[in-house]
Amino acid sequence: MTNLMPVTGWIPPDWAVVLIMGGAFLLVAAGAVVWVIFFHKARRRRRKRREHSRPLGTTLAQTGGLPPIRPGEKPPPPPPTSFP
């Protein structure tokens, strides 16, 4: 009768560590959700759209079309690139 194991609680010792880690994870996840809900929305601000009264740029038709064709000189080739 002396071979009985003492009763230490209703949770086995191996599962106690798993439950503590799971509870800590859930606590951190809940804190992150609360932060996103309350504090992240407060930073969002709606921007007022202003009417831009700037004139539009000139078109090619207004400036006289494309520039004249360049002489037959070809541009120099790009320098070779080396990859390590």
PDB file of N, CA and C in Angstrom:
ATOM      1  N   MET A   1       0.799  -1.183   0.000  1.00  0.00           N
ATOM      2  CA  MET A   1       0.000   0.000   0.000  1.00  0.00           C
ATOM      3  C   MET A   1       0.851   1.260   0.000  1.00  0.00           C
ATOM      4  N   THR A   2       2.114   1.161   0.193  1.00  0.00           N
ATOM      5  CA  THR A   2       2.972   2.334   0.205  1.00  0.00           C
ATOM      6  C   THR A   2       3.449   2.695  -1.203  1.00  0.00           C
ATOM      7  N   ASN A   3       3.076   1.936  -2.216  1.00  0.00           N
ATOM      8  CA  ASN A   3       3.490   2.193  -3.593  1.00  0.00           C
ATOM      9  C   ASN A   3       2.545   3.154  -4.317  1.00  0.00           C
ATOM     10  N   LEU A   4       1.668   3.806  -3.630  1.00  0.00           N
ATOM     11  CA  LEU A   4       0.742   4.733  -4.268  1.00  0.00           C
ATOM     12  C   LEU A   4       1.460   6.040  -4.617  1.00  0.00           C
ATOM     13  N   MET A   5       1.127   6.593  -5.803  1.00  0.00           N
ATOM     14  CA  MET A   5       1.722   7.854  -6.235  1.00  0.00           C
ATOM     15  C   MET A   5       0.954   9.011  -5.606  1.00  0.00           C
ATOM     16  N   PRO A   6       1.641  10.042  -5.161  1.00  0.00           N
ATOM     17  CA  PRO A   6       0.931  11.165  -4.566  1.00  0.00           C
ATOM     18  C   PRO A   6       0.157  11.945  -5.635  1.00  0.00           C
ATOM     19  N   VAL A   7      -0.960  12.462  -5.237  1.00  0.00           N
ATOM     20  CA  VAL A   7      -1.792  13.249  -6.147  1.00  0.00           C
ATOM     21  C   VAL A   7      -1.311  14.698  -6.054  1.00  0.00           C
ATOM     22  N   THR A   8      -0.781  15.217  -7.181  1.00  0.00           N
ATOM     23  CA  THR A   8      -0.254  16.579  -7.162  1.00  0.00           C
ATOM     24  C   THR A   8      -1.212  17.564  -7.813  1.00  0.00           C
ATOM     25  N   GLY A   9      -2.169  17.102  -8.532  1.00  0.00           N
ATOM     26  CA  GLY A   9      -3.118  17.978  -9.203  1.00  0.00           C
ATOM     27  C   GLY A   9      -3.859  17.205 -10.265  1.00  0.00           C
ATOM     28  N   TRP A  10      -4.769  17.877 -10.900  1.00  0.00           N
ATOM     29  CA  TRP A  10      -5.571  17.189 -11.921  1.00  0.00           C
ATOM     30  C   TRP A  10      -4.925  17.244 -13.292  1.00  0.00           C
ATOM     31  N   ILE A  11      -3.813  17.977 -13.463  1.00  0.00           N
ATOM     32  CA  ILE A  11      -3.104  18.051 -14.740  1.00  0.00           C
ATOM     33  C   ILE A  11      -1.783  17.312 -14.600  1.00  0.00           C
ATOM     34  N   PRO A  12      -1.478  16.388 -15.512  1.00  0.00           N
ATOM     35  CA  PRO A  12      -0.174  15.713 -15.465  1.00  0.00           C
ATOM     36  C   PRO A  12       0.960  16.736 -15.637  1.00  0.00           C
ATOM     37  N   PRO A  13       2.098  16.513 -14.999  1.00  0.00           N
ATOM     38  CA  PRO A  13       3.198  17.488 -15.059  1.00  0.00           C
ATOM     39  C   PRO A  13       3.686  17.775 -16.480  1.00  0.00           C
ATOM     40  N   ASP A  14       3.665  16.784 -17.352  1.00  0.00           N
ATOM     41  CA  ASP A  14       4.109  17.003 -18.731  1.00  0.00           C
ATOM     42  C   ASP A  14       3.167  17.957 -19.469  1.00  0.00           C
ATOM     43  N   TRP A  15       1.878  17.856 -19.192  1.00  0.00           N
ATOM     44  CA  TRP A  15       0.898  18.705 -19.861  1.00  0.00           C
ATOM     45  C   TRP A  15       0.869  20.117 -19.274  1.00  0.00           C
ATOM     46  N   ALA A  16       1.340  20.284 -18.073  1.00  0.00           N
ATOM     47  CA  ALA A  16       1.330  21.601 -17.450  1.00  0.00           C
ATOM     48  C   ALA A  16       2.200  22.578 -18.247  1.00  0.00           C
ATOM     49  N   VAL A  17       3.351  22.129 -18.717  1.00  0.00           N
ATOM     50  CA  VAL A  17       4.233  22.984 -19.509  1.00  0.00           C
ATOM     51  C   VAL A  17       3.570  23.348 -20.837  1.00  0.00           C
ATOM     52  N   VAL A  18       2.923  22.376 -21.468  1.00  0.00           N
ATOM     53  CA  VAL A  18       2.242  22.622 -22.740  1.00  0.00           C
ATOM     54  C   VAL A  18       1.112  23.641 -22.542  1.00  0.00           C
ATOM     55  N   LEU A  19       0.356  23.497 -21.478  1.00  0.00           N
ATOM     56  CA  LEU A  19      -0.742  24.427 -21.227  1.00  0.00           C
ATOM     57  C   LEU A  19      -0.233  25.830 -20.907  1.00  0.00           C
ATOM     58  N   ILE A  20       0.867  25.935 -20.181  1.00  0.00           N
ATOM     59  CA  ILE A  20       1.437  27.258 -19.874  1.00  0.00           C
ATOM     60  C   ILE A  20       1.921  27.932 -21.153  1.00  0.00           C
ATOM     61  N   MET A  21       2.603  27.199 -22.028  1.00  0.00           N
ATOM     62  CA  MET A  21       3.087  27.774 -23.283  1.00  0.00           C
ATOM     63  C   MET A  21       1.919  28.168 -24.188  1.00  0.00           C
ATOM     64  N   GLY A  22       0.908  27.323 -24.260  1.00  0.00           N
ATOM     65  CA  GLY A  22      -0.269  27.653 -25.073  1.00  0.00           C
ATOM     66  C   GLY A  22      -1.002  28.872 -24.542  1.00  0.00           C
ATOM     67  N   GLY A  23      -1.116  28.969 -23.223  1.00  0.00           N
ATOM     68  CA  GLY A  23      -1.761  30.138 -22.627  1.00  0.00           C
ATOM     69  C   GLY A  23      -0.980  31.410 -22.890  1.00  0.00           C
ATOM     70  N   ALA A  24       0.339  31.343 -22.824  1.00  0.00           N
ATOM     71  CA  ALA A  24       1.168  32.513 -23.114  1.00  0.00           C
ATOM     72  C   ALA A  24       1.021  32.931 -24.570  1.00  0.00           C
ATOM     73  N   PHE A  25       0.978  31.965 -25.472  1.00  0.00           N
ATOM     74  CA  PHE A  25       0.785  32.269 -26.883  1.00  0.00           C
ATOM     75  C   PHE A  25      -0.563  32.929 -27.121  1.00  0.00           C
ATOM     76  N   LEU A  26      -1.611  32.393 -26.526  1.00  0.00           N
ATOM     77  CA  LEU A  26      -2.946  32.984 -26.687  1.00  0.00           C
ATOM     78  C   LEU A  26      -3.004  34.389 -26.104  1.00  0.00           C
ATOM     79  N   LEU A  27      -2.310  34.625 -25.002  1.00  0.00           N
ATOM     80  CA  LEU A  27      -2.294  35.952 -24.390  1.00  0.00           C
ATOM     81  C   LEU A  27      -1.611  36.965 -25.305  1.00  0.00           C
ATOM     82  N   VAL A  28      -0.508  36.578 -25.910  1.00  0.00           N
ATOM     83  CA  VAL A  28       0.196  37.475 -26.824  1.00  0.00           C
ATOM     84  C   VAL A  28      -0.646  37.720 -28.079  1.00  0.00           C
ATOM     85  N   ALA A  29      -1.272  36.678 -28.601  1.00  0.00           N
ATOM     86  CA  ALA A  29      -2.113  36.833 -29.793  1.00  0.00           C
ATOM     87  C   ALA A  29      -3.309  37.735 -29.503  1.00  0.00           C
ATOM     88  N   ALA A  30      -3.936  37.581 -28.350  1.00  0.00           N
ATOM     89  CA  ALA A  30      -5.066  38.425 -27.979  1.00  0.00           C
ATOM     90  C   ALA A  30      -4.620  39.882 -27.824  1.00  0.00           C
ATOM     91  N   GLY A  31      -3.446  40.098 -27.250  1.00  0.00           N
ATOM     92  CA  GLY A  31      -2.920  41.460 -27.127  1.00  0.00           C
ATOM     93  C   GLY A  31      -2.675  42.093 -28.488  1.00  0.00           C
ATOM     94  N   ALA A  32      -2.165  41.325 -29.428  1.00  0.00           N
ATOM     95  CA  ALA A  32      -1.930  41.847 -30.776  1.00  0.00           C
ATOM     96  C   ALA A  32      -3.244  42.207 -31.461  1.00  0.00           C
ATOM     97  N   VAL A  33      -4.263  41.380 -31.289  1.00  0.00           N
ATOM     98  CA  VAL A  33      -5.569  41.662 -31.887  1.00  0.00           C
ATOM     99  C   VAL A  33      -6.169  42.926 -31.277  1.00  0.00           C
ATOM    100  N   VAL A  34      -6.067  43.077 -29.968  1.00  0.00           N
ATOM    101  CA  VAL A  34      -6.589  44.277 -29.304  1.00  0.00           C
ATOM    102  C   VAL A  34      -5.845  45.507 -29.795  1.00  0.00           C
ATOM    103  N   TRP A  35      -4.535  45.418 -29.961  1.00  0.00           N
ATOM    104  CA  TRP A  35      -3.753  46.560 -30.441  1.00  0.00           C
ATOM    105  C   TRP A  35      -4.187  46.956 -31.849  1.00  0.00           C
ATOM    106  N   VAL A  36      -4.378  45.959 -32.722  1.00  0.00           N
ATOM    107  CA  VAL A  36      -4.777  46.252 -34.092  1.00  0.00           C
ATOM    108  C   VAL A  36      -6.156  46.895 -34.126  1.00  0.00           C
ATOM    109  N   ILE A  37      -7.079  46.391 -33.330  1.00  0.00           N
ATOM    110  CA  ILE A  37      -8.449  46.912 -33.354  1.00  0.00           C
ATOM    111  C   ILE A  37      -8.501  48.339 -32.838  1.00  0.00           C
ATOM    112  N   PHE A  38      -7.871  48.622 -31.714  1.00  0.00           N
ATOM    113  CA  PHE A  38      -8.030  49.928 -31.086  1.00  0.00           C
ATOM    114  C   PHE A  38      -7.030  50.969 -31.563  1.00  0.00           C
ATOM    115  N   PHE A  39      -5.768  50.617 -31.693  1.00  0.00           N
ATOM    116  CA  PHE A  39      -4.755  51.622 -31.955  1.00  0.00           C
ATOM    117  C   PHE A  39      -4.447  51.801 -33.438  1.00  0.00           C
ATOM    118  N   HIS A  40      -4.572  50.761 -34.225  1.00  0.00           N
ATOM    119  CA  HIS A  40      -4.239  50.880 -35.640  1.00  0.00           C
ATOM    120  C   HIS A  40      -5.288  51.710 -36.380  1.00  0.00           C
ATOM    121  N   LYS A  41      -6.547  51.574 -36.045  1.00  0.00           N
ATOM    122  CA  LYS A  41      -7.594  52.337 -36.700  1.00  0.00           C
ATOM    123  C   LYS A  41      -7.496  53.820 -36.359  1.00  0.00           C
ATOM    124  N   ALA A  42      -6.976  54.153 -35.192  1.00  0.00           N
ATOM    125  CA  ALA A  42      -6.873  55.553 -34.786  1.00  0.00           C
ATOM    126  C   ALA A  42      -5.882  56.305 -35.665  1.00  0.00           C
ATOM    127  N   ARG A  43      -4.917  55.627 -36.249  1.00  0.00           N
ATOM    128  CA  ARG A  43      -3.913  56.285 -37.071  1.00  0.00           C
ATOM    129  C   ARG A  43      -4.416  56.577 -38.471  1.00  0.00           C
ATOM    130  N   ARG A  44      -5.452  55.903 -38.909  1.00  0.00           N
ATOM    131  CA  ARG A  44      -5.967  56.132 -40.255  1.00  0.00           C
ATOM    132  C   ARG A  44      -6.689  57.477 -40.294  1.00  0.00           C
ATOM    133  N   ARG A  45      -6.316  58.257 -41.255  1.00  0.00           N
ATOM    134  CA  ARG A  45      -6.973  59.547 -41.440  1.00  0.00           C
ATOM    135  C   ARG A  45      -7.429  59.638 -42.879  1.00  0.00           C
ATOM    136  N   ARG A  46      -8.595  60.181 -43.052  1.00  0.00           N
ATOM    137  CA  ARG A  46      -9.083  60.359 -44.408  1.00  0.00           C
ATOM    138  C   ARG A  46      -8.502  61.641 -44.976  1.00  0.00           C
ATOM    139  N   ARG A  47      -7.976  61.551 -46.149  1.00  0.00           N
ATOM    140  CA  ARG A  47      -7.381  62.710 -46.788  1.00  0.00           C
ATOM    141  C   ARG A  47      -8.457  63.435 -47.593  1.00  0.00           C
ATOM    142  N   LYS A  48      -8.440  64.736 -47.488  1.00  0.00           N
ATOM    143  CA  LYS A  48      -9.358  65.541 -48.273  1.00  0.00           C
ATOM    144  C   LYS A  48      -8.751  65.736 -49.654  1.00  0.00           C
ATOM    145  N   ARG A  49      -9.549  65.502 -50.653  1.00  0.00           N
ATOM    146  CA  ARG A  49      -9.064  65.691 -52.013  1.00  0.00           C
ATOM    147  C   ARG A  49      -9.251  67.146 -52.405  1.00  0.00           C
ATOM    148  N   ARG A  50      -8.180  67.749 -52.850  1.00  0.00           N
ATOM    149  CA  ARG A  50      -8.242  69.136 -53.288  1.00  0.00           C
ATOM    150  C   ARG A  50      -8.305  69.187 -54.808  1.00  0.00           C
ATOM    151  N   GLU A  51      -8.969  70.179 -55.282  1.00  0.00           N
ATOM    152  CA  GLU A  51      -9.013  70.392 -56.719  1.00  0.00           C
ATOM    153  C   GLU A  51      -7.694  71.003 -57.156  1.00  0.00           C
ATOM    154  N   HIS A  52      -7.048  70.388 -58.113  1.00  0.00           N
ATOM    155  CA  HIS A  52      -5.788  70.913 -58.623  1.00  0.00           C
ATOM    156  C   HIS A  52      -6.097  71.856 -59.780  1.00  0.00           C
ATOM    157  N   SER A  53      -5.639  73.080 -59.666  1.00  0.00           N
ATOM    158  CA  SER A  53      -5.923  74.062 -60.706  1.00  0.00           C
ATOM    159  C   SER A  53      -4.704  74.304 -61.584  1.00  0.00           C
ATOM    160  N   ARG A  54      -3.782  73.390 -61.620  1.00  0.00           N
ATOM    161  CA  ARG A  54      -2.603  73.545 -62.462  1.00  0.00           C
ATOM    162  C   ARG A  54      -2.973  73.291 -63.918  1.00  0.00           C
ATOM    163  N   PRO A  55      -2.386  74.045 -64.830  1.00  0.00           N
ATOM    164  CA  PRO A  55      -2.674  73.779 -66.248  1.00  0.00           C
ATOM    165  C   PRO A  55      -2.012  72.470 -66.676  1.00  0.00           C
ATOM    166  N   LEU A  56      -2.595  71.834 -67.654  1.00  0.00           N
ATOM    167  CA  LEU A  56      -2.025  70.599 -68.174  1.00  0.00           C
ATOM    168  C   LEU A  56      -0.781  70.907 -68.987  1.00  0.00           C
ATOM    169  N   GLY A  57       0.083  69.934 -69.139  1.00  0.00           N
ATOM    170  CA  GLY A  57       1.282  70.106 -69.933  1.00  0.00           C
ATOM    171  C   GLY A  57       0.955  70.282 -71.409  1.00  0.00           C
ATOM    172  N   THR A  58       1.882  70.829 -72.152  1.00  0.00           N
ATOM    173  CA  THR A  58       1.650  71.041 -73.578  1.00  0.00           C
ATOM    174  C   THR A  58       1.809  69.726 -74.323  1.00  0.00           C
ATOM    175  N   THR A  59       1.089  69.618 -75.412  1.00  0.00           N
ATOM    176  CA  THR A  59       1.168  68.412 -76.229  1.00  0.00           C
ATOM    177  C   THR A  59       2.167  68.623 -77.351  1.00  0.00           C
ATOM    178  N   LEU A  60       2.518  67.549 -78.047  1.00  0.00           N
ATOM    179  CA  LEU A  60       3.435  67.669 -79.177  1.00  0.00           C
ATOM    180  C   LEU A  60       2.828  68.518 -80.280  1.00  0.00           C
ATOM    181  N   ALA A  61       1.512  68.455 -80.472  1.00  0.00           N
ATOM    182  CA  ALA A  61       0.867  69.264 -81.502  1.00  0.00           C
ATOM    183  C   ALA A  61       0.976  70.743 -81.176  1.00  0.00           C
ATOM    184  N   GLN A  62       0.934  71.099 -79.915  1.00  0.00           N
ATOM    185  CA  GLN A  62       1.019  72.502 -79.525  1.00  0.00           C
ATOM    186  C   GLN A  62       2.448  73.032 -79.625  1.00  0.00           C
ATOM    187  N   THR A  63       3.429  72.184 -79.446  1.00  0.00           N
ATOM    188  CA  THR A  63       4.822  72.630 -79.460  1.00  0.00           C
ATOM    189  C   THR A  63       5.465  72.503 -80.828  1.00  0.00           C
ATOM    190  N   GLY A  64       4.776  71.961 -81.788  1.00  0.00           N
ATOM    191  CA  GLY A  64       5.349  71.874 -83.137  1.00  0.00           C
ATOM    192  C   GLY A  64       5.764  70.469 -83.532  1.00  0.00           C
ATOM    193  N   GLY A  65       5.348  69.474 -82.822  1.00  0.00           N
ATOM    194  CA  GLY A  65       5.630  68.097 -83.190  1.00  0.00           C
ATOM    195  C   GLY A  65       6.929  67.583 -82.602  1.00  0.00           C
ATOM    196  N   LEU A  66       7.418  66.495 -83.179  1.00  0.00           N
ATOM    197  CA  LEU A  66       8.634  65.855 -82.688  1.00  0.00           C
ATOM    198  C   LEU A  66       9.864  66.675 -83.067  1.00  0.00           C
ATOM    199  N   PRO A  67      10.977  66.523 -82.335  1.00  0.00           N
ATOM    200  CA  PRO A  67      12.204  67.220 -82.707  1.00  0.00           C
ATOM    201  C   PRO A  67      12.759  66.649 -84.007  1.00  0.00           C
ATOM    202  N   PRO A  68      13.629  67.391 -84.667  1.00  0.00           N
ATOM    203  CA  PRO A  68      14.180  66.890 -85.940  1.00  0.00           C
ATOM    204  C   PRO A  68      15.013  65.632 -85.727  1.00  0.00           C
ATOM    205  N   ILE A  69      15.164  64.875 -86.801  1.00  0.00           N
ATOM    206  CA  ILE A  69      15.916  63.619 -86.747  1.00  0.00           C
ATOM    207  C   ILE A  69      17.392  63.928 -86.551  1.00  0.00           C
ATOM    208  N   ARG A  70      18.043  63.182 -85.710  1.00  0.00           N
ATOM    209  CA  ARG A  70      19.471  63.375 -85.442  1.00  0.00           C
ATOM    210  C   ARG A  70      20.298  62.892 -86.622  1.00  0.00           C
ATOM    211  N   PRO A  71      21.534  63.383 -86.721  1.00  0.00           N
ATOM    212  CA  PRO A  71      22.407  62.865 -87.798  1.00  0.00           C
ATOM    213  C   PRO A  71      22.694  61.378 -87.588  1.00  0.00           C
ATOM    214  N   GLY A  72      23.305  60.747 -88.558  1.00  0.00           N
ATOM    215  CA  GLY A  72      23.515  59.307 -88.568  1.00  0.00           C
ATOM    216  C   GLY A  72      24.449  58.764 -87.517  1.00  0.00           C
ATOM    217  N   GLU A  73      24.877  59.548 -86.551  1.00  0.00           N
ATOM    218  CA  GLU A  73      25.781  59.033 -85.522  1.00  0.00           C
ATOM    219  C   GLU A  73      25.031  58.101 -84.587  1.00  0.00           C
ATOM    220  N   LYS A  74      25.665  56.987 -84.306  1.00  0.00           N
ATOM    221  CA  LYS A  74      25.063  56.045 -83.370  1.00  0.00           C
ATOM    222  C   LYS A  74      25.598  56.333 -81.970  1.00  0.00           C
ATOM    223  N   PRO A  75      24.776  56.170 -80.946  1.00  0.00           N
ATOM    224  CA  PRO A  75      25.283  56.378 -79.582  1.00  0.00           C
ATOM    225  C   PRO A  75      26.274  55.292 -79.229  1.00  0.00           C
ATOM    226  N   PRO A  76      27.241  55.593 -78.341  1.00  0.00           N
ATOM    227  CA  PRO A  76      28.222  54.573 -77.968  1.00  0.00           C
ATOM    228  C   PRO A  76      27.545  53.404 -77.253  1.00  0.00           C
ATOM    229  N   PRO A  77      28.109  52.196 -77.427  1.00  0.00           N
ATOM    230  CA  PRO A  77      27.493  51.042 -76.764  1.00  0.00           C
ATOM    231  C   PRO A  77      27.643  51.145 -75.249  1.00  0.00           C
ATOM    232  N   PRO A  78      26.721  50.565 -74.524  1.00  0.00           N
ATOM    233  CA  PRO A  78      26.836  50.612 -73.057  1.00  0.00           C
ATOM    234  C   PRO A  78      28.045  49.817 -72.587  1.00  0.00           C
ATOM    235  N   PRO A  79      28.633  50.211 -71.466  1.00  0.00           N
ATOM    236  CA  PRO A  79      29.816  49.478 -70.973  1.00  0.00           C
ATOM    237  C   PRO A  79      29.416  48.054 -70.555  1.00  0.00           C
ATOM    238  N   PRO A  80      30.316  47.102 -70.723  1.00  0.00           N
ATOM    239  CA  PRO A  80      29.997  45.724 -70.325  1.00  0.00           C
ATOM    240  C   PRO A  80      29.832  45.627 -68.801  1.00  0.00           C
ATOM    241  N   THR A  81      28.889  44.832 -68.431  1.00  0.00           N
ATOM    242  CA  THR A  81      28.663  44.619 -67.009  1.00  0.00           C
ATOM    243  C   THR A  81      29.244  43.267 -66.613  1.00  0.00           C
ATOM    244  N   SER A  82      29.836  43.238 -65.458  1.00  0.00           N
ATOM    245  CA  SER A  82      30.397  41.959 -64.973  1.00  0.00           C
ATOM    246  C   SER A  82      29.642  41.567 -63.711  1.00  0.00           C
ATOM    247  N   PHE A  83      29.227  40.344 -63.687  1.00  0.00           N
ATOM    248  CA  PHE A  83      28.518  39.819 -62.537  1.00  0.00           C
ATOM    249  C   PHE A  83      29.440  38.895 -61.751  1.00  0.00           C
ATOM    250  N   PRO A  84      29.470  39.030 -60.467  1.00  0.00           N
ATOM    251  CA  PRO A  84      30.373  38.148 -59.683  1.00  0.00           C
ATOM    252  C   PRO A  84      29.929  36.724 -59.689  1.00  0.00           C
TER     253      PRO A  84
END
